[in-house]
Amino acid sequence: MERAIPILPTEDRTTAREFYVGRLGFEVTFEASDDGHSGLLGIKRGTIEMTLDSPMSGDGRNACAALQADDTDRYYREWSPRAGVLRPPKNEAWGARTFDLLDPSGNTIFVMGPVNRSQP
């Protein structure tokens, strides 16, 4: 099986953990840190996996990870009370239903799934 796992930059691994695990329901798959704040944090929710890197030097700040979901609206209902939503769900002309939220380090999480015919 081949797949891509995005690596997102974070300001603080502890803050990132609280956001992704505590608010969005991801589970930790691995942690690597010498001081408890910097290092790597692997997370997973269903078939979605990401690695969070704190601090990530160089270019790549304010990254975007696209997450494909079966039910975009379900994720929106769960996550919108817990995270800064940039744009609520909408059916896109190109054939997907999408919304965006922002993590504490300024990374965009772009959620996309099938068009919902009962919603705009």
Protein backbone atom coordinates (compact mmCIF):
# COMPACT_ATOMS: atom_id res chain seq x y z
CA MET A 1 0.00 0.00 0.00
CA GLU A 2 1.28 3.44 -0.92
CA ARG A 3 0.14 6.64 0.79
CA ALA A 4 1.23 10.13 1.71
CA ILE A 5 1.31 11.36 5.30
CA PRO A 6 1.50 15.15 5.59
CA ILE A 7 3.92 16.73 8.05
CA LEU A 8 2.58 19.97 9.51
CA PRO A 9 4.69 22.55 11.35
CA THR A 10 3.61 23.44 14.89
CA GLU A 11 4.70 26.10 17.34
CA ASP A 12 4.41 23.83 20.36
CA ARG A 13 3.92 20.07 20.37
CA THR A 14 1.87 20.19 23.60
CA THR A 15 -0.57 22.74 22.14
CA ALA A 16 -0.81 20.72 18.91
CA ARG A 17 -1.52 17.54 20.87
CA GLU A 18 -4.32 19.23 22.84
CA PHE A 19 -5.89 20.52 19.61
CA TYR A 20 -5.70 17.38 17.46
CA VAL A 21 -6.18 14.75 20.19
CA GLY A 22 -8.21 16.70 22.74
CA ARG A 23 -10.49 18.62 20.37
CA LEU A 24 -10.55 16.75 17.05
CA GLY A 25 -10.42 13.17 18.35
CA PHE A 26 -7.17 11.93 16.81
CA GLU A 27 -5.10 9.33 18.66
CA VAL A 28 -1.33 9.46 19.14
CA THR A 29 0.61 6.87 17.13
CA PHE A 30 4.09 7.98 18.25
CA GLU A 31 5.91 10.77 20.09
CA ALA A 32 9.55 11.82 19.97
CA SER A 33 10.69 14.67 22.21
CA ASP A 34 13.65 15.52 24.38
CA ASP A 35 11.97 18.38 26.26
CA GLY A 36 8.20 17.76 26.04
CA HIS A 37 7.58 20.78 23.76
CA SER A 38 9.64 20.23 20.63
CA GLY A 39 9.83 17.07 18.55
CA LEU A 40 7.49 14.91 16.51
CA LEU A 41 3.94 13.77 17.18
CA GLY A 42 2.29 11.14 14.98
CA ILE A 43 -1.52 11.17 14.99
CA LYS A 44 -4.26 9.09 13.42
CA ARG A 45 -8.05 9.08 13.12
CA GLY A 46 -9.49 6.24 11.08
CA THR A 47 -7.43 6.15 7.89
CA ILE A 48 -6.23 9.76 8.27
CA GLU A 49 -2.63 10.09 9.47
CA MET A 50 -0.41 13.14 9.99
CA THR A 51 2.86 14.00 11.67
CA LEU A 52 3.25 17.26 13.58
CA ASP A 53 6.78 18.72 13.77
CA SER A 54 7.75 21.33 16.38
CA PRO A 55 9.57 23.47 15.59
CA MET A 56 9.87 22.93 11.85
CA SER A 57 12.52 25.22 10.45
CA GLY A 58 12.67 26.80 7.02
CA ASP A 59 9.86 27.13 4.50
CA GLY A 60 6.57 25.35 4.88
CA ARG A 61 4.96 27.45 7.59
CA ASN A 62 1.19 27.89 7.37
CA ALA A 63 0.74 24.61 5.53
CA CYS A 64 -2.48 22.94 4.42
CA ALA A 65 -3.54 19.31 4.82
CA ALA A 66 -6.49 17.99 2.82
CA LEU A 67 -8.50 15.31 4.61
CA GLN A 68 -10.93 13.18 2.59
CA ALA A 69 -14.01 12.11 4.56
CA ASP A 70 -17.19 10.15 3.83
CA ASP A 71 -19.39 12.77 5.52
CA THR A 72 -18.05 16.34 5.56
CA ASP A 73 -21.02 17.66 7.54
CA ARG A 74 -20.48 15.13 10.33
CA TYR A 75 -16.91 16.35 10.81
CA TYR A 76 -18.09 19.95 10.67
CA ARG A 77 -20.72 19.35 13.38
CA GLU A 78 -18.16 17.63 15.59
CA TRP A 79 -15.22 19.96 15.05
CA SER A 80 -16.76 23.44 14.61
CA PRO A 81 -17.47 23.99 18.34
CA ARG A 82 -13.85 23.03 19.13
CA ALA A 83 -11.82 24.72 16.38
CA GLY A 84 -11.57 27.94 14.42
CA VAL A 85 -13.61 27.33 11.29
CA LEU A 86 -12.49 29.42 8.32
CA ARG A 87 -15.41 28.48 6.08
CA PRO A 88 -18.50 26.32 6.72
CA PRO A 89 -19.38 23.39 4.45
CA LYS A 90 -20.42 24.08 0.89
CA ASN A 91 -20.90 22.08 -2.29
CA GLU A 92 -18.14 23.00 -4.73
CA ALA A 93 -18.72 23.37 -8.47
CA TRP A 94 -15.94 20.81 -9.03
CA GLY A 95 -17.92 18.05 -7.28
CA ALA A 96 -17.03 17.94 -3.58
CA ARG A 97 -18.39 19.28 -0.30
CA THR A 98 -15.70 21.12 1.66
CA PHE A 99 -14.92 23.21 4.72
CA ASP A 100 -11.74 24.58 6.28
CA LEU A 101 -10.52 25.06 9.82
CA LEU A 102 -7.36 26.51 11.32
CA ASP A 103 -5.05 24.83 13.83
CA PRO A 104 -3.20 26.76 16.58
CA SER A 105 -0.06 27.12 14.42
CA GLY A 106 -1.89 28.65 11.44
CA ASN A 107 -2.15 25.48 9.33
CA THR A 108 -5.32 24.98 7.32
CA ILE A 109 -7.18 21.68 7.59
CA PHE A 110 -9.22 21.32 4.37
CA VAL A 111 -11.94 18.67 4.73
CA MET A 112 -13.59 17.32 1.58
CA GLY A 113 -16.13 14.65 0.83
CA PRO A 114 -19.04 13.79 -1.44
CA VAL A 115 -21.53 16.49 -2.42
CA ASN A 116 -24.53 16.66 -0.09
CA ARG A 117 -27.55 17.07 -2.39
CA SER A 118 -29.76 18.26 0.51
CA GLN A 119 -27.40 21.15 1.40
CA PRO A 120 -26.12 24.17 -0.60
